[in-house]
Amino acid sequence: MNAYIREPFNSLSHLFGALCGLVGLLLLLVKGIENNSSPLTLTALIVFGVSMILLYTASATYHWWIGDARNIKFLRRLDHSMIYILIAGTYAPLCLITLNNTAGYVLFIIIGLLAVSGICFKMIWFDCPRWVSTAIYIGMGWMIIFLAPTLAESLGSTGLLYLILGGISYTIGGIIYGVKPNIPFIKKLGFHEIFHIFILLGTLCHFICVYAYVL
């Protein structure tokens, strides 16, 4: 910790993510409008873009904040809760634009309800074991696999690859965060710092998937 930022790398890396999320939202909206997209499509894009901004802003603020323990604890709860928001937000364009059918709508509703439940769970039992939260995050993220064949038809092989790579990146990051593996280079660089890098990579892959293959 220094005098101005509690965790410099973790805060600045996700501040960068928040700024990229803002740029990404604008790019999505511009392309959506140029394509004469429907209100539902634009709404899904906004949900996805805003979820990126919220997650990275909350994370950057939590890791930046220098103050009393009570405020830091609140910001940590907010940070963890925003993970559920990003997961649900990422499902929005896939379910409402790419699938755009009953199965997609049902899956999006299920993910939304799970996100709300997950946030409530975090508020009630915040200090649960890391592996519990990690398992919930990863499980929610990979529920899309049940509709993979339909997604593949619309996204194509490359679009599906970006979607899968994003999921893999999130999963690797989540596992590193959840179990803190006793691997020398991870211990040297810092498990939390590596976790942040994988989260950024996962979001980048999913943004490319949405921008280039969903729209």
C-alpha atoms as a PDB file:
ATOM      1  CA  MET A   1       0.000   0.000   0.000  1.00  0.00           C
ATOM      2  CA  ASN A   2       1.214   3.518  -0.712  1.00  0.00           C
ATOM      3  CA  ALA A   3      -0.030   6.850   0.596  1.00  0.00           C
ATOM      4  CA  TYR A   4      -2.607   7.321  -2.145  1.00  0.00           C
ATOM      5  CA  ILE A   5      -3.721   3.909  -3.411  1.00  0.00           C
ATOM      6  CA  ARG A   6      -4.211   0.842  -1.209  1.00  0.00           C
ATOM      7  CA  GLU A   7      -3.497  -1.687  -3.988  1.00  0.00           C
ATOM      8  CA  PRO A   8      -2.007   0.191  -6.968  1.00  0.00           C
ATOM      9  CA  PHE A   9      -1.916  -2.559  -9.605  1.00  0.00           C
ATOM     10  CA  ASN A  10      -5.303  -4.024  -8.760  1.00  0.00           C
ATOM     11  CA  SER A  11      -6.938  -0.613  -8.669  1.00  0.00           C
ATOM     12  CA  LEU A  12      -5.320   0.892 -11.761  1.00  0.00           C
ATOM     13  CA  SER A  13      -5.756  -2.249 -13.858  1.00  0.00           C
ATOM     14  CA  HIS A  14      -9.489  -2.255 -13.226  1.00  0.00           C
ATOM     15  CA  LEU A  15      -9.736   1.513 -13.587  1.00  0.00           C
ATOM     16  CA  PHE A  16      -8.353   0.848 -17.062  1.00  0.00           C
ATOM     17  CA  GLY A  17     -11.048  -1.812 -17.421  1.00  0.00           C
ATOM     18  CA  ALA A  18     -13.758   0.682 -16.432  1.00  0.00           C
ATOM     19  CA  LEU A  19     -12.557   3.200 -19.015  1.00  0.00           C
ATOM     20  CA  CYS A  20     -12.413   0.479 -21.663  1.00  0.00           C
ATOM     21  CA  GLY A  21     -15.926  -0.547 -20.641  1.00  0.00           C
ATOM     22  CA  LEU A  22     -17.155   2.992 -21.257  1.00  0.00           C
ATOM     23  CA  VAL A  23     -15.490   3.072 -24.675  1.00  0.00           C
ATOM     24  CA  GLY A  24     -16.872  -0.382 -25.390  1.00  0.00           C
ATOM     25  CA  LEU A  25     -20.413   0.701 -24.534  1.00  0.00           C
ATOM     26  CA  LEU A  26     -20.145   3.653 -26.907  1.00  0.00           C
ATOM     27  CA  LEU A  27     -18.778   1.443 -29.694  1.00  0.00           C
ATOM     28  CA  LEU A  28     -21.600  -1.053 -29.215  1.00  0.00           C
ATOM     29  CA  LEU A  29     -24.255   1.655 -29.297  1.00  0.00           C
ATOM     30  CA  VAL A  30     -22.784   3.311 -32.393  1.00  0.00           C
ATOM     31  CA  LYS A  31     -22.703   0.006 -34.247  1.00  0.00           C
ATOM     32  CA  GLY A  32     -26.161  -0.920 -33.006  1.00  0.00           C
ATOM     33  CA  ILE A  33     -27.628   2.373 -34.185  1.00  0.00           C
ATOM     34  CA  GLU A  34     -25.832   2.138 -37.535  1.00  0.00           C
ATOM     35  CA  ASN A  35     -27.388  -1.310 -37.986  1.00  0.00           C
ATOM     36  CA  ASN A  36     -30.868   0.082 -37.212  1.00  0.00           C
ATOM     37  CA  SER A  37     -31.085  -2.344 -34.301  1.00  0.00           C
ATOM     38  CA  SER A  38     -34.326  -2.928 -32.436  1.00  0.00           C
ATOM     39  CA  PRO A  39     -34.987  -1.421 -28.988  1.00  0.00           C
ATOM     40  CA  LEU A  40     -34.467  -4.890 -27.479  1.00  0.00           C
ATOM     41  CA  THR A  41     -31.047  -5.179 -29.105  1.00  0.00           C
ATOM     42  CA  LEU A  42     -29.976  -1.730 -27.942  1.00  0.00           C
ATOM     43  CA  THR A  43     -31.220  -2.492 -24.435  1.00  0.00           C
ATOM     44  CA  ALA A  44     -29.192  -5.716 -24.338  1.00  0.00           C
ATOM     45  CA  LEU A  45     -26.094  -3.829 -25.483  1.00  0.00           C
ATOM     46  CA  ILE A  46     -26.601  -1.174 -22.815  1.00  0.00           C
ATOM     47  CA  VAL A  47     -27.022  -3.833 -20.119  1.00  0.00           C
ATOM     48  CA  PHE A  48     -23.792  -5.517 -21.208  1.00  0.00           C
ATOM     49  CA  GLY A  49     -21.847  -2.261 -21.439  1.00  0.00           C
ATOM     50  CA  VAL A  50     -23.096  -0.883 -18.137  1.00  0.00           C
ATOM     51  CA  SER A  51     -22.336  -4.176 -16.379  1.00  0.00           C
ATOM     52  CA  MET A  52     -18.701  -3.916 -17.506  1.00  0.00           C
ATOM     53  CA  ILE A  53     -18.459  -0.348 -16.247  1.00  0.00           C
ATOM     54  CA  LEU A  54     -20.074  -1.188 -12.896  1.00  0.00           C
ATOM     55  CA  LEU A  55     -17.848  -4.193 -12.219  1.00  0.00           C
ATOM     56  CA  TYR A  56     -14.587  -2.464 -13.012  1.00  0.00           C
ATOM     57  CA  THR A  57     -15.547   0.794 -11.318  1.00  0.00           C
ATOM     58  CA  ALA A  58     -16.519  -1.030  -8.131  1.00  0.00           C
ATOM     59  CA  SER A  59     -13.332  -3.078  -8.206  1.00  0.00           C
ATOM     60  CA  ALA A  60     -11.092  -0.075  -8.889  1.00  0.00           C
ATOM     61  CA  THR A  61     -12.745   1.901  -6.082  1.00  0.00           C
ATOM     62  CA  TYR A  62     -12.429  -0.925  -3.566  1.00  0.00           C
ATOM     63  CA  HIS A  63      -8.752  -1.543  -4.302  1.00  0.00           C
ATOM     64  CA  TRP A  64      -8.018   2.193  -4.384  1.00  0.00           C
ATOM     65  CA  TRP A  65      -9.795   3.226  -1.191  1.00  0.00           C
ATOM     66  CA  ILE A  66      -7.721   4.187   1.809  1.00  0.00           C
ATOM     67  CA  GLY A  67      -9.895   4.707   4.845  1.00  0.00           C
ATOM     68  CA  ASP A  68     -11.535   3.020   7.764  1.00  0.00           C
ATOM     69  CA  ALA A  69     -12.166  -0.710   7.745  1.00  0.00           C
ATOM     70  CA  ARG A  70     -15.955  -0.280   7.705  1.00  0.00           C
ATOM     71  CA  ASN A  71     -15.943   1.564   4.365  1.00  0.00           C
ATOM     72  CA  ILE A  72     -13.453  -0.883   2.883  1.00  0.00           C
ATOM     73  CA  LYS A  73     -15.658  -3.794   3.935  1.00  0.00           C
ATOM     74  CA  PHE A  74     -18.694  -2.178   2.286  1.00  0.00           C
ATOM     75  CA  LEU A  75     -16.748  -1.561  -0.930  1.00  0.00           C
ATOM     76  CA  ARG A  76     -15.546  -5.165  -0.907  1.00  0.00           C
ATOM     77  CA  ARG A  77     -19.132  -6.401  -0.680  1.00  0.00           C
ATOM     78  CA  LEU A  78     -20.043  -4.105  -3.569  1.00  0.00           C
ATOM     79  CA  ASP A  79     -17.061  -5.326  -5.582  1.00  0.00           C
ATOM     80  CA  HIS A  80     -18.012  -8.979  -5.158  1.00  0.00           C
ATOM     81  CA  SER A  81     -21.685  -8.273  -5.856  1.00  0.00           C
ATOM     82  CA  MET A  82     -20.841  -6.623  -9.168  1.00  0.00           C
ATOM     83  CA  ILE A  83     -19.389  -9.917 -10.390  1.00  0.00           C
ATOM     84  CA  TYR A  84     -22.952 -11.238 -10.528  1.00  0.00           C
ATOM     85  CA  ILE A  85     -24.002  -8.111 -12.422  1.00  0.00           C
ATOM     86  CA  LEU A  86     -21.280  -8.645 -15.040  1.00  0.00           C
ATOM     87  CA  ILE A  87     -22.210 -12.299 -15.475  1.00  0.00           C
ATOM     88  CA  ALA A  88     -25.878 -11.431 -16.009  1.00  0.00           C
ATOM     89  CA  GLY A  89     -24.951  -8.484 -18.213  1.00  0.00           C
ATOM     90  CA  THR A  90     -22.811 -10.662 -20.451  1.00  0.00           C
ATOM     91  CA  TYR A  91     -25.733 -13.031 -20.955  1.00  0.00           C
ATOM     92  CA  ALA A  92     -27.961 -10.173 -22.178  1.00  0.00           C
ATOM     93  CA  PRO A  93     -26.693  -9.894 -25.785  1.00  0.00           C
ATOM     94  CA  LEU A  94     -26.283 -13.653 -26.121  1.00  0.00           C
ATOM     95  CA  CYS A  95     -29.774 -14.481 -24.877  1.00  0.00           C
ATOM     96  CA  LEU A  96     -31.718 -11.499 -26.211  1.00  0.00           C
ATOM     97  CA  ILE A  97     -29.936 -10.883 -29.527  1.00  0.00           C
ATOM     98  CA  THR A  98     -28.174 -14.056 -30.661  1.00  0.00           C
ATOM     99  CA  LEU A  99     -30.697 -16.580 -29.380  1.00  0.00           C
ATOM    100  CA  ASN A 100     -33.735 -14.270 -29.323  1.00  0.00           C
ATOM    101  CA  ASN A 101     -36.094 -17.152 -28.618  1.00  0.00           C
ATOM    102  CA  THR A 102     -37.957 -18.690 -25.699  1.00  0.00           C
ATOM    103  CA  ALA A 103     -34.908 -20.653 -24.535  1.00  0.00           C
ATOM    104  CA  GLY A 104     -32.818 -17.487 -24.559  1.00  0.00           C
ATOM    105  CA  TYR A 105     -35.401 -15.477 -22.640  1.00  0.00           C
ATOM    106  CA  VAL A 106     -35.824 -18.224 -20.048  1.00  0.00           C
ATOM    107  CA  LEU A 107     -32.065 -18.578 -19.585  1.00  0.00           C
ATOM    108  CA  PHE A 108     -31.667 -14.822 -19.157  1.00  0.00           C
ATOM    109  CA  ILE A 109     -34.425 -14.749 -16.528  1.00  0.00           C
ATOM    110  CA  ILE A 110     -32.797 -17.666 -14.691  1.00  0.00           C
ATOM    111  CA  ILE A 111     -29.398 -15.971 -14.744  1.00  0.00           C
ATOM    112  CA  GLY A 112     -30.966 -12.713 -13.559  1.00  0.00           C
ATOM    113  CA  LEU A 113     -32.646 -14.454 -10.638  1.00  0.00           C
ATOM    114  CA  LEU A 114     -29.418 -16.270  -9.775  1.00  0.00           C
ATOM    115  CA  ALA A 115     -27.560 -12.947  -9.870  1.00  0.00           C
ATOM    116  CA  VAL A 116     -30.032 -11.360  -7.443  1.00  0.00           C
ATOM    117  CA  SER A 117     -29.836 -14.443  -5.218  1.00  0.00           C
ATOM    118  CA  GLY A 118     -26.043 -14.366  -5.377  1.00  0.00           C
ATOM    119  CA  ILE A 119     -25.926 -10.729  -4.317  1.00  0.00           C
ATOM    120  CA  CYS A 120     -28.257 -11.461  -1.390  1.00  0.00           C
ATOM    121  CA  PHE A 121     -26.103 -14.468  -0.497  1.00  0.00           C
ATOM    122  CA  LYS A 122     -23.014 -12.241  -0.444  1.00  0.00           C
ATOM    123  CA  MET A 123     -24.748  -9.737   1.801  1.00  0.00           C
ATOM    124  CA  ILE A 124     -25.795 -12.450   4.261  1.00  0.00           C
ATOM    125  CA  TRP A 125     -22.680 -14.664   4.227  1.00  0.00           C
ATOM    126  CA  PHE A 126     -19.909 -12.515   2.839  1.00  0.00           C
ATOM    127  CA  ASP A 127     -17.084 -14.401   4.529  1.00  0.00           C
ATOM    128  CA  CYS A 128     -17.989 -17.741   2.993  1.00  0.00           C
ATOM    129  CA  PRO A 129     -15.050 -19.869   1.780  1.00  0.00           C
ATOM    130  CA  ARG A 130     -13.514 -18.571  -1.447  1.00  0.00           C
ATOM    131  CA  TRP A 131     -14.237 -21.815  -3.267  1.00  0.00           C
ATOM    132  CA  VAL A 132     -17.986 -21.435  -2.619  1.00  0.00           C
ATOM    133  CA  SER A 133     -18.196 -18.040  -4.321  1.00  0.00           C
ATOM    134  CA  THR A 134     -15.853 -19.161  -7.087  1.00  0.00           C
ATOM    135  CA  ALA A 135     -17.953 -22.247  -7.810  1.00  0.00           C
ATOM    136  CA  ILE A 136     -21.125 -20.143  -8.043  1.00  0.00           C
ATOM    137  CA  TYR A 137     -19.519 -17.613 -10.396  1.00  0.00           C
ATOM    138  CA  ILE A 138     -18.067 -20.289 -12.662  1.00  0.00           C
ATOM    139  CA  GLY A 139     -21.247 -22.368 -12.628  1.00  0.00           C
ATOM    140  CA  MET A 140     -23.382 -19.395 -13.649  1.00  0.00           C
ATOM    141  CA  GLY A 141     -20.943 -18.448 -16.376  1.00  0.00           C
ATOM    142  CA  TRP A 142     -20.925 -21.870 -17.993  1.00  0.00           C
ATOM    143  CA  MET A 143     -24.705 -22.380 -17.981  1.00  0.00           C
ATOM    144  CA  ILE A 144     -24.617 -21.018 -21.537  1.00  0.00           C
ATOM    145  CA  ILE A 145     -23.069 -24.335 -22.588  1.00  0.00           C
ATOM    146  CA  PHE A 146     -26.544 -25.894 -22.681  1.00  0.00           C
ATOM    147  CA  LEU A 147     -27.392 -23.683 -25.658  1.00  0.00           C
ATOM    148  CA  ALA A 148     -23.985 -23.910 -27.343  1.00  0.00           C
ATOM    149  CA  PRO A 149     -25.201 -25.710 -30.492  1.00  0.00           C
ATOM    150  CA  THR A 150     -27.735 -22.965 -31.210  1.00  0.00           C
ATOM    151  CA  LEU A 151     -25.191 -20.260 -30.435  1.00  0.00           C
ATOM    152  CA  ALA A 152     -22.679 -21.866 -32.776  1.00  0.00           C
ATOM    153  CA  GLU A 153     -25.113 -21.590 -35.673  1.00  0.00           C
ATOM    154  CA  SER A 154     -25.457 -17.830 -35.162  1.00  0.00           C
ATOM    155  CA  LEU A 155     -21.993 -16.867 -33.947  1.00  0.00           C
ATOM    156  CA  GLY A 156     -20.006 -19.114 -36.236  1.00  0.00           C
ATOM    157  CA  SER A 157     -16.884 -20.982 -35.170  1.00  0.00           C
ATOM    158  CA  THR A 158     -14.790 -17.856 -34.560  1.00  0.00           C
ATOM    159  CA  GLY A 159     -17.462 -16.084 -32.540  1.00  0.00           C
ATOM    160  CA  LEU A 160     -18.021 -19.200 -30.455  1.00  0.00           C
ATOM    161  CA  LEU A 161     -14.258 -19.472 -29.949  1.00  0.00           C
ATOM    162  CA  TYR A 162     -14.095 -15.962 -28.482  1.00  0.00           C
ATOM    163  CA  LEU A 163     -17.025 -16.802 -26.209  1.00  0.00           C
ATOM    164  CA  ILE A 164     -15.309 -19.970 -24.986  1.00  0.00           C
ATOM    165  CA  LEU A 165     -11.927 -18.271 -24.579  1.00  0.00           C
ATOM    166  CA  GLY A 166     -13.578 -15.621 -22.435  1.00  0.00           C
ATOM    167  CA  GLY A 167     -15.155 -18.305 -20.282  1.00  0.00           C
ATOM    168  CA  ILE A 168     -11.848 -20.138 -19.949  1.00  0.00           C
ATOM    169  CA  SER A 169     -10.053 -16.938 -18.973  1.00  0.00           C
ATOM    170  CA  TYR A 170     -12.651 -16.140 -16.307  1.00  0.00           C
ATOM    171  CA  THR A 171     -12.470 -19.732 -15.061  1.00  0.00           C
ATOM    172  CA  ILE A 172      -8.682 -19.752 -14.774  1.00  0.00           C
ATOM    173  CA  GLY A 173      -8.788 -16.426 -12.965  1.00  0.00           C
ATOM    174  CA  GLY A 174     -11.527 -17.657 -10.662  1.00  0.00           C
ATOM    175  CA  ILE A 175      -9.640 -20.833  -9.796  1.00  0.00           C
ATOM    176  CA  ILE A 176      -6.467 -18.869  -9.056  1.00  0.00           C
ATOM    177  CA  TYR A 177      -8.482 -16.543  -6.816  1.00  0.00           C
ATOM    178  CA  GLY A 178     -10.385 -19.365  -5.155  1.00  0.00           C
ATOM    179  CA  VAL A 179      -7.544 -21.741  -4.300  1.00  0.00           C
ATOM    180  CA  LYS A 180      -4.456 -19.468  -4.280  1.00  0.00           C
ATOM    181  CA  PRO A 181      -2.220 -22.194  -5.792  1.00  0.00           C
ATOM    182  CA  ASN A 182       1.220 -22.676  -4.276  1.00  0.00           C
ATOM    183  CA  ILE A 183       3.041 -22.095  -7.565  1.00  0.00           C
ATOM    184  CA  PRO A 184       6.257 -20.025  -7.396  1.00  0.00           C
ATOM    185  CA  PHE A 185       5.607 -17.599 -10.262  1.00  0.00           C
ATOM    186  CA  ILE A 186       2.019 -17.002  -9.087  1.00  0.00           C
ATOM    187  CA  LYS A 187       3.230 -16.311  -5.555  1.00  0.00           C
ATOM    188  CA  LYS A 188       5.892 -13.965  -6.910  1.00  0.00           C
ATOM    189  CA  LEU A 189       3.556 -11.947  -9.127  1.00  0.00           C
ATOM    190  CA  GLY A 190       0.631 -12.114  -6.703  1.00  0.00           C
ATOM    191  CA  PHE A 191      -2.422 -14.333  -7.119  1.00  0.00           C
ATOM    192  CA  HIS A 192      -4.817 -11.369  -6.941  1.00  0.00           C
ATOM    193  CA  GLU A 193      -2.912  -9.446  -9.602  1.00  0.00           C
ATOM    194  CA  ILE A 194      -2.948 -12.452 -11.933  1.00  0.00           C
ATOM    195  CA  PHE A 195      -6.653 -12.912 -11.210  1.00  0.00           C
ATOM    196  CA  HIS A 196      -7.297  -9.319 -12.314  1.00  0.00           C
ATOM    197  CA  ILE A 197      -5.407  -9.869 -15.570  1.00  0.00           C
ATOM    198  CA  PHE A 198      -7.445 -12.963 -16.438  1.00  0.00           C
ATOM    199  CA  ILE A 199     -10.690 -11.126 -15.681  1.00  0.00           C
ATOM    200  CA  LEU A 200      -9.701  -8.325 -18.056  1.00  0.00           C
ATOM    201  CA  LEU A 201      -8.825 -10.874 -20.751  1.00  0.00           C
ATOM    202  CA  GLY A 202     -12.158 -12.635 -20.263  1.00  0.00           C
ATOM    203  CA  THR A 203     -14.074  -9.397 -20.675  1.00  0.00           C
ATOM    204  CA  LEU A 204     -12.050  -8.495 -23.769  1.00  0.00           C
ATOM    205  CA  CYS A 205     -12.856 -11.836 -25.415  1.00  0.00           C
ATOM    206  CA  HIS A 206     -16.557 -11.463 -24.674  1.00  0.00           C
ATOM    207  CA  PHE A 207     -16.607  -7.877 -25.922  1.00  0.00           C
ATOM    208  CA  ILE A 208     -15.047  -8.986 -29.218  1.00  0.00           C
ATOM    209  CA  CYS A 209     -17.617 -11.777 -29.439  1.00  0.00           C
ATOM    210  CA  VAL A 210     -20.516  -9.359 -28.951  1.00  0.00           C
ATOM    211  CA  TYR A 211     -19.177  -6.529 -31.103  1.00  0.00           C
ATOM    212  CA  ALA A 212     -17.976  -8.608 -34.042  1.00  0.00           C
ATOM    213  CA  TYR A 213     -20.244 -11.654 -34.035  1.00  0.00           C
ATOM    214  CA  VAL A 214     -23.447 -10.878 -32.125  1.00  0.00           C
ATOM    215  CA  LEU A 215     -24.140  -7.524 -33.788  1.00  0.00           C
END
